Amino acid sequence: MSAVSGLNYVSTRGGAPATSFTGILLEGLAPDGGLFVPERLPRFDAAELQSLSTLSYPDLAWRILSRFAPEWDAQELRRMLGDTYSRAVFGSDEVAPLRTLEPGLHLLGLSNGPTLAFKDVAMQLLGRLFESVLQRRGAELNVLGATSGDTGSSAEHAMRGRRGVRVFMLSPWQRMSPFQAAQMYSLQDANIFNIAIRGVFDQCQDIVKAVSGDLAFKARHRIGTVNSINWARVAAQAVYYFKAYFAAARREGEPVSFAVPSGNFGNIYAGYLAQRMGLPVRRLIVATNENNVLEEFFRSGRYRVRATAEVRHTSSPSMDIAKSSNFERYLYDLLDGDARSLSRLWARLESDGVFDVSDTPLWARVRASGFVAGTSTHADRLATIREVQRTYGTIVDPHTADGIKVGLQYRERDVPLVCLETALPVKFADIIREALGRDPARPPGFEGLESLPQRVTVFDPAVAAVKEFIAQHTT
């Protein structure tokens, strides 16, 4: 396949000028409130997929990600990918090792990065990309993000100490596991600022979008984002779907299904992106917890945002999300890039809190796109953790358990199933203790993490208060 030259990015809402990968890297939301997507996707045919199948992780990442950033200096990008996807950062040259639980059932290891969560895979690269662009421009960036658990710690550990970058990370106060909170709040780096919001994740995300939507404030304080609305993160995550496919497929071109715990739709959207680029994906299995916004949509065609009071605090807290950010990119693609139709759907969502496509032509496209979905409860998580440990001698975290439970529900005979791991179980010790009656193993270097001094500022959910805090620490 020839290189994609002059690739531009446009907004899903249709109201922003086209720009390059470098132009959108630091931006987050588009100026019109939409999300940036490439005007066209690179595709790999069967012969090209075969040529990718034996590559090392850095070389595979290069072959895929260079298609999305054709203007980036090739030598520099290769070097950054080599530095990122290394034994020094991920403890293995394989980066995303595939473990076979039984023939046709696999677990993709994504938790061997610095913060023991899958988000390290993209975030560690993002830190290097940001620093490179800022140095070239002689500029600074204030990263504003929201986390329901793992994004925050992954972002902060990727950006800590980097020149020209500050991080302002919002999280729901006392709604993450103690380990997750400590990974963020114990950081003492001068460029890291933790802001806890008395509320739920979606209120944190709404504040981020409101601040980013104030274009004058965003420009004055040089606001960017590392949340999954950042296209570079999604593209980087697509790489490990290719890696997993090549490890799981038993013959060239064999379809493979993926089961993915999902709240914000970023991780599984990366799988959809890989599918659209030519990877033979049979099913994309969305696993939700009791906050089942996505499951309801893929079952019924009805997308209903939950009110704050409806969002349940569950034992897989990183998925306690009522509105999935990357879902907009998915529907935009199914609408063939019709920004006007997409904007009408989102206007209805903003006014009514719900839209229903079950009686429209779009629903047929949804049904044909490879997605299925299911819900996992607290009891399901406990049962799955116990069964996986008993049968395979492996302990999984509660989010991964959600993925395995729903994945097995939709498993098809003779189709390999890859369940994506999201984090090490040590991050959710209370749930593991409830399931198995003992604590999970704690990796070296994380002893006493929760007892370290913590730095965090707690606010009620108010956009003005967060703006004032950012202004005080950026001037």
Protein backbone atom coordinates (compact mmCIF):
# COMPACT_ATOMS: atom_id res chain seq x y z
CA MET A 1 0.00 0.00 0.00
CA SER A 2 1.37 3.40 -0.88
CA ALA A 3 1.73 5.97 1.90
CA VAL A 4 -1.28 8.18 2.53
CA SER A 5 -0.02 11.63 1.59
CA GLY A 6 -1.65 14.87 2.58
CA LEU A 7 -4.03 13.17 5.01
CA ASN A 8 -6.26 15.74 6.67
CA TYR A 9 -8.53 15.57 9.71
CA VAL A 10 -12.04 16.98 9.89
CA SER A 11 -14.64 17.38 12.63
CA THR A 12 -17.58 15.01 13.04
CA ARG A 13 -19.76 18.13 13.30
CA GLY A 14 -18.51 19.55 9.99
CA GLY A 15 -17.74 23.04 11.27
CA ALA A 16 -13.95 23.04 11.60
CA PRO A 17 -11.31 23.51 8.91
CA ALA A 18 -9.37 20.44 7.80
CA THR A 19 -5.94 20.13 9.35
CA SER A 20 -3.04 17.69 9.74
CA PHE A 21 -2.27 15.09 12.40
CA THR A 22 0.22 17.49 13.96
CA GLY A 23 -2.44 20.19 13.88
CA ILE A 24 -4.95 18.14 15.89
CA LEU A 25 -2.50 16.40 18.22
CA LEU A 26 -2.71 19.00 20.98
CA GLU A 27 -6.28 20.11 20.43
CA GLY A 28 -8.77 17.61 21.87
CA LEU A 29 -12.26 18.70 20.84
CA ALA A 30 -12.65 20.42 17.49
CA PRO A 31 -13.66 24.10 17.66
CA ASP A 32 -17.24 23.20 16.69
CA GLY A 33 -17.54 20.72 19.57
CA GLY A 34 -17.04 17.63 17.42
CA LEU A 35 -14.26 15.06 17.36
CA PHE A 36 -11.46 14.96 14.82
CA VAL A 37 -11.35 12.03 12.40
CA PRO A 38 -9.24 11.43 9.27
CA GLU A 39 -10.93 12.27 5.97
CA ARG A 40 -10.20 8.73 4.85
CA LEU A 41 -8.80 5.63 6.50
CA PRO A 42 -5.74 3.76 5.29
CA ARG A 43 -6.49 0.14 4.40
CA PHE A 44 -4.38 -2.99 4.29
CA ASP A 45 -5.16 -5.77 1.83
CA ALA A 46 -4.53 -9.45 2.55
CA ALA A 47 -0.96 -9.41 1.24
CA GLU A 48 -0.11 -6.32 3.26
CA LEU A 49 -1.63 -7.82 6.40
CA GLN A 50 0.56 -10.86 5.91
CA SER A 51 3.62 -8.60 5.69
CA LEU A 52 2.67 -7.06 9.05
CA SER A 53 2.16 -10.36 10.84
CA THR A 54 5.79 -11.04 11.78
CA LEU A 55 6.86 -7.54 12.76
CA SER A 56 8.03 -6.49 16.20
CA TYR A 57 5.65 -4.23 18.11
CA PRO A 58 7.58 -1.00 17.34
CA ASP A 59 7.79 -1.88 13.64
CA LEU A 60 4.10 -2.81 13.53
CA ALA A 61 3.24 0.48 15.22
CA TRP A 62 5.37 2.31 12.66
CA ARG A 63 3.64 0.68 9.70
CA ILE A 64 0.21 1.60 11.08
CA LEU A 65 0.71 4.96 12.76
CA SER A 66 2.85 6.48 10.01
CA ARG A 67 -0.27 6.24 7.81
CA PHE A 68 -2.08 8.63 10.15
CA ALA A 69 0.79 11.14 10.43
CA PRO A 70 2.42 11.21 6.98
CA GLU A 71 3.90 14.65 7.62
CA TRP A 72 5.86 13.48 10.68
CA ASP A 73 9.61 13.01 10.24
CA ALA A 74 9.98 9.26 9.66
CA GLN A 75 13.24 8.87 11.54
CA GLU A 76 11.95 10.71 14.60
CA LEU A 77 8.70 8.74 14.68
CA ARG A 78 10.57 5.43 14.40
CA ARG A 79 12.83 6.48 17.27
CA MET A 80 9.93 7.49 19.50
CA LEU A 81 8.11 4.23 18.80
CA GLY A 82 11.25 2.26 19.61
CA ASP A 83 11.75 4.19 22.85
CA THR A 84 8.11 3.75 23.85
CA TYR A 85 7.49 0.11 23.00
CA SER A 86 10.56 -1.21 24.74
CA ARG A 87 11.50 -3.60 27.48
CA ALA A 88 12.50 -0.59 29.60
CA VAL A 89 8.93 0.77 29.56
CA PHE A 90 6.79 -2.38 29.28
CA GLY A 91 9.06 -5.02 30.77
CA SER A 92 8.92 -7.12 27.60
CA ASP A 93 9.86 -6.85 23.95
CA GLU A 94 6.42 -8.24 23.11
CA VAL A 95 4.57 -5.31 24.77
CA ALA A 96 1.10 -6.89 24.39
CA PRO A 97 1.58 -10.62 25.01
CA LEU A 98 -1.25 -13.00 24.14
CA ARG A 99 -1.95 -15.76 26.65
CA THR A 100 -3.95 -18.78 25.50
CA LEU A 101 -6.36 -19.89 28.23
CA GLU A 102 -7.62 -22.79 26.14
CA PRO A 103 -7.70 -23.45 22.39
CA GLY A 104 -9.56 -20.57 20.77
CA LEU A 105 -9.80 -18.48 23.97
CA HIS A 106 -7.11 -15.89 24.65
CA LEU A 107 -6.29 -13.05 27.04
CA LEU A 108 -4.42 -10.06 25.63
CA GLY A 109 -1.99 -8.71 28.23
CA LEU A 110 -2.14 -4.92 28.26
CA SER A 111 -1.26 -4.14 31.88
CA ASN A 112 2.53 -4.35 31.93
CA GLY A 113 3.11 -0.60 31.58
CA PRO A 114 4.14 1.87 34.29
CA THR A 115 0.64 2.21 35.80
CA LEU A 116 -0.45 -1.41 35.25
CA ALA A 117 -3.32 -0.49 32.90
CA PHE A 118 -4.01 -0.78 29.17
CA LYS A 119 -4.04 2.99 28.73
CA ASP A 120 -0.26 3.08 29.15
CA VAL A 121 0.09 1.57 25.68
CA ALA A 122 -1.13 4.75 23.99
CA MET A 123 -0.33 7.28 26.68
CA GLN A 124 3.39 6.56 26.85
CA LEU A 125 3.63 7.40 23.16
CA LEU A 126 1.43 10.47 23.53
CA GLY A 127 3.82 11.96 26.09
CA ARG A 128 6.68 11.76 23.61
CA LEU A 129 4.60 13.13 20.73
CA PHE A 130 3.44 16.09 22.81
CA GLU A 131 6.95 16.95 23.99
CA SER A 132 8.32 16.81 20.44
CA VAL A 133 5.71 19.16 18.99
CA LEU A 134 5.97 21.61 21.88
CA GLN A 135 9.76 21.77 21.60
CA ARG A 136 9.54 22.47 17.87
CA ARG A 137 7.04 25.25 18.47
CA GLY A 138 8.72 26.64 21.58
CA ALA A 139 5.30 26.36 23.20
CA GLU A 140 3.61 25.08 26.33
CA LEU A 141 0.49 22.96 26.77
CA ASN A 142 -1.88 22.57 29.68
CA VAL A 143 -3.44 19.15 29.41
CA LEU A 144 -6.99 18.97 30.77
CA GLY A 145 -8.56 15.56 31.21
CA ALA A 146 -11.12 13.52 33.08
CA THR A 147 -10.68 10.03 34.40
CA SER A 148 -12.87 7.31 35.80
CA GLY A 149 -9.83 5.43 37.02
CA ASP A 150 -6.93 4.57 34.73
CA THR A 151 -6.67 7.40 32.18
CA GLY A 152 -5.56 9.84 34.86
CA SER A 153 -2.69 7.84 36.26
CA SER A 154 -1.54 6.75 32.78
CA ALA A 155 -1.59 10.37 31.55
CA GLU A 156 0.17 11.75 34.60
CA HIS A 157 2.90 9.13 34.53
CA ALA A 158 3.38 9.70 30.79
CA MET A 159 3.58 13.49 31.15
CA ARG A 160 5.33 13.91 34.50
CA GLY A 161 8.52 15.90 34.16
CA ARG A 162 8.07 16.53 30.44
CA ARG A 163 9.10 19.95 29.25
CA GLY A 164 6.36 22.38 28.35
CA VAL A 165 3.50 20.25 29.71
CA ARG A 166 1.23 20.63 32.75
CA VAL A 167 -1.55 18.17 33.53
CA PHE A 168 -4.87 19.10 35.16
CA MET A 169 -6.75 15.85 35.75
CA LEU A 170 -10.33 15.68 37.01
CA SER A 171 -11.57 12.56 38.80
CA PRO A 172 -14.73 11.65 40.73
CA TRP A 173 -13.99 12.07 44.43
CA GLN A 174 -13.99 8.75 46.32
CA ARG A 175 -15.33 6.80 43.33
CA MET A 176 -12.07 5.13 42.27
CA SER A 177 -10.28 2.29 43.98
CA PRO A 178 -7.76 3.36 46.68
CA PHE A 179 -4.91 2.07 44.49
CA GLN A 180 -6.10 4.05 41.45
CA ALA A 181 -6.49 7.23 43.50
CA ALA A 182 -3.08 6.83 45.11
CA GLN A 183 -1.37 6.36 41.75
CA MET A 184 -2.54 9.85 40.84
CA TYR A 185 -2.76 11.78 44.07
CA SER A 186 0.62 10.66 45.41
CA LEU A 187 2.54 12.24 42.53
CA GLN A 188 4.53 15.22 43.72
CA ASP A 189 5.74 16.52 40.34
CA ALA A 190 5.35 20.26 39.93
CA ASN A 191 3.61 19.89 36.56
CA ILE A 192 0.87 17.55 37.84
CA PHE A 193 -2.40 18.90 39.31
CA ASN A 194 -5.16 16.59 40.56
CA ILE A 195 -8.69 17.97 40.83
CA ALA A 196 -11.32 15.75 42.45
CA ILE A 197 -14.98 16.53 41.75
CA ARG A 198 -17.74 15.69 44.22
CA GLY A 199 -19.81 13.74 41.73
CA VAL A 200 -19.47 11.12 39.00
CA PHE A 201 -17.15 10.75 36.03
CA ASP A 202 -19.60 12.22 33.53
CA GLN A 203 -19.66 15.47 35.50
CA CYS A 204 -15.87 15.56 35.26
CA GLN A 205 -16.10 14.94 31.51
CA ASP A 206 -18.77 17.62 31.12
CA ILE A 207 -16.51 20.15 32.84
CA VAL A 208 -13.62 19.24 30.52
CA LYS A 209 -15.87 19.71 27.49
CA ALA A 210 -17.23 23.01 28.82
CA VAL A 211 -13.74 24.39 29.44
CA SER A 212 -12.56 23.17 26.02
CA GLY A 213 -15.67 24.65 24.45
CA ASP A 214 -14.76 28.14 25.72
CA LEU A 215 -12.47 28.84 22.79
CA ALA A 216 -11.11 32.10 24.21
CA PHE A 217 -10.17 30.45 27.52
CA LYS A 218 -8.77 27.43 25.71
CA ALA A 219 -6.53 29.62 23.55
CA ARG A 220 -5.46 31.92 26.38
CA HIS A 221 -4.44 29.03 28.64
CA ARG A 222 -3.24 26.68 25.87
CA ILE A 223 -5.63 23.82 26.77
CA GLY A 224 -5.23 20.36 25.22
CA THR A 225 -6.38 16.88 26.13
CA VAL A 226 -5.20 13.29 26.49
CA ASN A 227 -8.63 11.71 26.93
CA SER A 228 -9.77 9.19 24.36
CA ILE A 229 -11.23 12.05 22.33
CA ASN A 230 -7.59 12.57 21.27
CA TRP A 231 -7.23 10.79 17.92
CA ALA A 232 -3.58 9.83 18.52
CA ARG A 233 -4.63 7.72 21.50
CA VAL A 234 -7.25 5.83 19.51
CA ALA A 235 -4.87 5.20 16.62
CA ALA A 236 -2.15 3.94 18.98
CA GLN A 237 -4.61 1.52 20.59
CA ALA A 238 -5.56 0.08 17.22
CA VAL A 239 -2.03 -1.33 16.95
CA TYR A 240 -2.57 -3.93 19.65
CA TYR A 241 -5.63 -5.27 17.87
CA PHE A 242 -3.39 -6.06 14.91
CA LYS A 243 -0.83 -7.61 17.26
CA ALA A 244 -3.50 -9.75 18.97
CA TYR A 245 -5.04 -10.83 15.69
CA PHE A 246 -1.74 -12.10 14.30
CA ALA A 247 -1.10 -14.05 17.49
CA ALA A 248 -4.60 -15.58 17.69
CA ALA A 249 -5.49 -16.34 14.07
CA ARG A 250 -4.68 -19.94 13.14
CA ARG A 251 -4.57 -19.29 9.41
CA GLU A 252 -4.27 -16.29 7.13
CA GLY A 253 -7.51 -14.34 6.86
CA GLU A 254 -9.31 -16.21 9.66
CA PRO A 255 -11.89 -14.01 11.44
CA VAL A 256 -11.20 -13.28 15.12
CA SER A 257 -13.59 -11.79 17.70
CA PHE A 258 -12.66 -9.37 20.48
CA ALA A 259 -14.38 -8.90 23.85
CA VAL A 260 -13.73 -5.49 25.39
CA PRO A 261 -14.94 -3.94 28.67
CA SER A 262 -16.21 -0.52 27.63
CA GLY A 263 -17.60 2.63 29.19
CA ASN A 264 -16.27 5.53 27.13
CA PHE A 265 -16.11 3.49 23.89
CA GLY A 266 -12.48 4.42 23.19
CA ASN A 267 -10.85 1.00 23.51
CA ILE A 268 -13.38 -0.91 21.45
CA TYR A 269 -13.63 1.91 18.91
CA ALA A 270 -9.91 1.30 18.29
CA GLY A 271 -10.89 -2.28 17.43
CA TYR A 272 -13.53 -0.97 15.03
CA LEU A 273 -10.86 1.25 13.50
CA ALA A 274 -8.62 -1.80 12.98
CA GLN A 275 -11.55 -3.63 11.37
CA ARG A 276 -12.17 -0.70 9.01
CA MET A 277 -8.49 -0.75 8.08
CA GLY A 278 -8.85 -4.32 6.86
CA LEU A 279 -8.27 -6.54 9.90
CA PRO A 280 -10.55 -9.64 9.67
CA VAL A 281 -12.61 -8.95 12.80
CA ARG A 282 -15.70 -11.12 13.19
CA ARG A 283 -17.33 -9.59 16.26
CA LEU A 284 -16.62 -6.64 18.54
CA ILE A 285 -18.20 -7.63 21.84
CA VAL A 286 -19.01 -4.70 24.11
CA ALA A 287 -19.07 -5.59 27.80
CA THR A 288 -20.73 -3.06 30.09
CA ASN A 289 -21.34 -3.09 33.81
CA GLU A 290 -24.63 -2.08 35.41
CA ASN A 291 -24.29 1.31 33.70
CA ASN A 292 -25.38 -0.21 30.42
CA VAL A 293 -25.81 2.73 28.05
CA LEU A 294 -23.90 0.97 25.27
CA GLU A 295 -25.56 -2.40 25.80
CA GLU A 296 -28.98 -0.75 25.54
CA PHE A 297 -28.04 0.90 22.25
CA PHE A 298 -26.66 -2.21 20.55
CA ARG A 299 -29.66 -4.21 21.75
CA SER A 300 -32.40 -1.72 20.90
CA GLY A 301 -31.09 1.21 18.85
CA ARG A 302 -31.91 3.57 21.71
CA TYR A 303 -29.06 5.72 23.05
CA ARG A 304 -30.05 7.28 26.35
CA VAL A 305 -27.68 9.26 28.53
CA ARG A 306 -28.18 8.52 32.21
CA ALA A 307 -28.82 11.32 34.68
CA THR A 308 -26.17 11.78 37.34
CA ALA A 309 -28.41 10.23 39.99
CA GLU A 310 -28.84 7.13 37.81
CA VAL A 311 -25.12 6.38 37.46
CA ARG A 312 -24.34 3.44 39.70
CA HIS A 313 -21.11 3.15 41.65
CA THR A 314 -20.02 -0.37 40.78
CA SER A 315 -17.17 -2.77 41.46
CA SER A 316 -15.80 -2.07 37.97
CA PRO A 317 -15.65 1.70 38.56
CA SER A 318 -13.67 2.71 35.46
CA MET A 319 -16.81 1.91 33.45
CA ASP A 320 -19.22 3.92 35.59
CA ILE A 321 -19.97 6.18 32.63
CA ALA A 322 -23.29 7.47 31.34
CA LYS A 323 -22.18 9.06 28.05
CA SER A 324 -19.57 7.50 25.77
CA SER A 325 -17.35 10.08 24.09
CA ASN A 326 -16.02 8.06 21.16
CA PHE A 327 -19.48 6.82 20.22
CA GLU A 328 -19.81 9.95 18.08
CA ARG A 329 -16.93 8.84 15.84
CA TYR A 330 -18.54 5.46 15.31
CA LEU A 331 -21.90 6.89 14.22
CA TYR A 332 -20.18 9.47 12.02
CA ASP A 333 -18.48 6.63 10.17
CA LEU A 334 -21.74 4.67 9.78
CA LEU A 335 -23.33 7.85 8.41
CA ASP A 336 -20.60 8.00 5.73
CA GLY A 337 -19.27 11.25 7.12
CA ASP A 338 -22.62 13.06 7.03
CA ALA A 339 -21.86 15.71 9.64
CA ARG A 340 -25.28 17.31 9.30
CA SER A 341 -27.12 14.09 10.20
CA LEU A 342 -24.70 13.44 13.05
CA SER A 343 -25.22 16.96 14.41
CA ARG A 344 -29.00 16.47 14.36
CA LEU A 345 -28.65 13.30 16.44
CA TRP A 346 -26.44 15.05 18.96
CA ALA A 347 -28.75 18.07 19.14
CA ARG A 348 -31.56 15.67 19.99
CA LEU A 349 -29.36 14.04 22.61
CA GLU A 350 -28.58 17.41 24.16
CA SER A 351 -32.24 18.48 24.25
CA ASP A 352 -33.95 15.18 25.10
CA GLY A 353 -31.16 13.07 26.60
CA VAL A 354 -31.99 10.28 24.14
CA PHE A 355 -32.24 9.35 20.49
CA ASP A 356 -33.52 6.19 18.82
CA VAL A 357 -32.32 4.96 15.43
CA SER A 358 -34.11 1.60 15.46
CA ASP A 359 -36.62 2.72 12.81
CA THR A 360 -34.04 4.37 10.52
CA PRO A 361 -31.68 3.05 7.81
CA LEU A 362 -28.81 3.66 10.22
CA TRP A 363 -29.94 0.74 12.40
CA ALA A 364 -29.23 -1.77 9.63
CA ARG A 365 -25.70 -0.43 9.41
CA VAL A 366 -25.27 -0.74 13.16
CA ARG A 367 -26.41 -4.36 13.02
CA ALA A 368 -23.99 -5.08 10.17
CA SER A 369 -20.97 -3.40 11.79
CA GLY A 370 -19.96 -6.40 13.90
CA PHE A 371 -20.96 -5.09 17.32
CA VAL A 372 -22.84 -7.06 19.95
CA ALA A 373 -23.14 -6.18 23.62
CA GLY A 374 -23.95 -7.55 27.04
CA THR A 375 -24.02 -6.55 30.69
CA SER A 376 -22.11 -7.96 33.63
CA THR A 377 -23.15 -7.45 37.26
CA HIS A 378 -21.23 -7.50 40.53
CA ALA A 379 -22.24 -11.13 41.06
CA ASP A 380 -21.09 -11.95 37.52
CA ARG A 381 -17.71 -10.33 38.16
CA LEU A 382 -17.13 -12.30 41.34
CA ALA A 383 -18.17 -15.55 39.68
CA THR A 384 -15.97 -14.91 36.64
CA ILE A 385 -12.93 -14.03 38.75
CA ARG A 386 -13.38 -17.27 40.68
CA GLU A 387 -13.93 -19.40 37.59
CA VAL A 388 -10.98 -17.97 35.65
CA GLN A 389 -8.70 -18.53 38.63
CA ARG A 390 -10.00 -22.06 39.20
CA THR A 391 -9.90 -23.13 35.55
CA TYR A 392 -6.89 -21.28 34.19
CA GLY A 393 -4.87 -20.34 37.28
CA THR A 394 -5.13 -16.66 36.35
CA ILE A 395 -6.49 -13.78 38.43
CA VAL A 396 -8.16 -10.98 36.46
CA ASP A 397 -9.38 -7.57 37.54
CA PRO A 398 -13.14 -6.86 37.68
CA HIS A 399 -13.26 -4.97 34.36
CA THR A 400 -11.47 -7.78 32.54
CA ALA A 401 -13.92 -10.14 34.23
CA ASP A 402 -16.79 -8.16 32.70
CA GLY A 403 -15.18 -8.62 29.30
CA ILE A 404 -14.65 -12.35 29.74
CA LYS A 405 -18.18 -12.94 31.02
CA VAL A 406 -19.84 -11.16 28.09
CA GLY A 407 -17.27 -12.49 25.63
CA LEU A 408 -18.09 -16.09 26.54
CA GLN A 409 -21.77 -15.26 26.17
CA TYR A 410 -21.16 -14.41 22.50
CA ARG A 411 -18.34 -16.87 21.79
CA GLU A 412 -18.79 -18.75 18.51
CA ARG A 413 -17.51 -22.19 17.75
CA ASP A 414 -14.35 -22.20 15.61
CA VAL A 415 -13.90 -18.41 15.89
CA PRO A 416 -10.93 -17.42 18.11
CA LEU A 417 -11.97 -15.07 20.91
CA VAL A 418 -9.54 -12.53 22.36
CA CYS A 419 -10.52 -10.93 25.68
CA LEU A 420 -8.72 -7.67 26.36
CA GLU A 421 -7.14 -7.26 29.78
CA THR A 422 -7.56 -3.78 31.18
CA ALA A 423 -5.51 -3.69 34.39
CA LEU A 424 -3.70 -5.79 36.93
CA PRO A 425 -5.94 -7.08 39.72
CA VAL A 426 -3.86 -5.30 42.39
CA LYS A 427 -5.61 -2.08 41.38
CA PHE A 428 -8.88 -3.54 42.71
CA ALA A 429 -7.74 -5.53 45.72
CA ASP A 430 -11.05 -5.18 47.60
CA ILE A 431 -12.95 -6.98 44.84
CA ILE A 432 -10.32 -9.69 44.47
CA ARG A 433 -10.41 -10.23 48.23
CA GLU A 434 -14.20 -10.55 48.10
CA ALA A 435 -14.01 -13.02 45.22
CA LEU A 436 -11.06 -15.15 46.30
CA GLY A 437 -10.58 -14.45 50.00
CA ARG A 438 -7.03 -13.18 49.52
CA ASP A 439 -5.16 -10.16 48.19
CA PRO A 440 -3.76 -10.19 44.66
CA ALA A 441 0.00 -10.10 44.19
CA ARG A 442 1.50 -6.63 44.31
CA PRO A 443 4.27 -5.96 41.77
CA PRO A 444 7.63 -4.73 43.10
CA GLY A 445 7.79 -0.98 43.50
CA PHE A 446 4.16 -0.51 44.53
CA GLU A 447 4.53 -1.40 48.21
CA GLY A 448 2.85 1.13 50.49
CA LEU A 449 1.49 3.18 47.60
CA GLU A 450 -1.77 4.07 49.34
CA SER A 451 0.07 5.39 52.42
CA LEU A 452 2.14 7.95 50.50
CA PRO A 453 1.34 11.68 50.96
CA GLN A 454 -1.30 12.83 48.49
CA ARG A 455 -1.85 16.12 46.63
CA VAL A 456 -5.41 16.75 45.44
CA THR A 457 -7.83 19.69 45.38
CA VAL A 458 -11.53 18.86 45.83
CA PHE A 459 -14.30 20.92 44.19
CA ASP A 460 -18.03 20.76 43.75
CA PRO A 461 -18.94 20.19 40.06
CA ALA A 462 -18.58 23.78 38.86
CA VAL A 463 -16.93 24.84 35.60
CA ALA A 464 -16.03 28.29 36.96
CA ALA A 465 -14.07 26.85 39.90
CA VAL A 466 -12.02 24.61 37.64
CA LYS A 467 -11.32 27.48 35.24
CA GLU A 468 -10.16 29.66 38.10
CA PHE A 469 -7.86 26.91 39.38
CA ILE A 470 -6.32 26.44 35.94
CA ALA A 471 -5.87 30.18 35.49
CA GLN A 472 -4.12 30.49 38.85
CA HIS A 473 -1.62 27.77 37.98
CA THR A 474 -0.87 28.74 34.38
CA THR A 475 -0.11 32.45 34.72
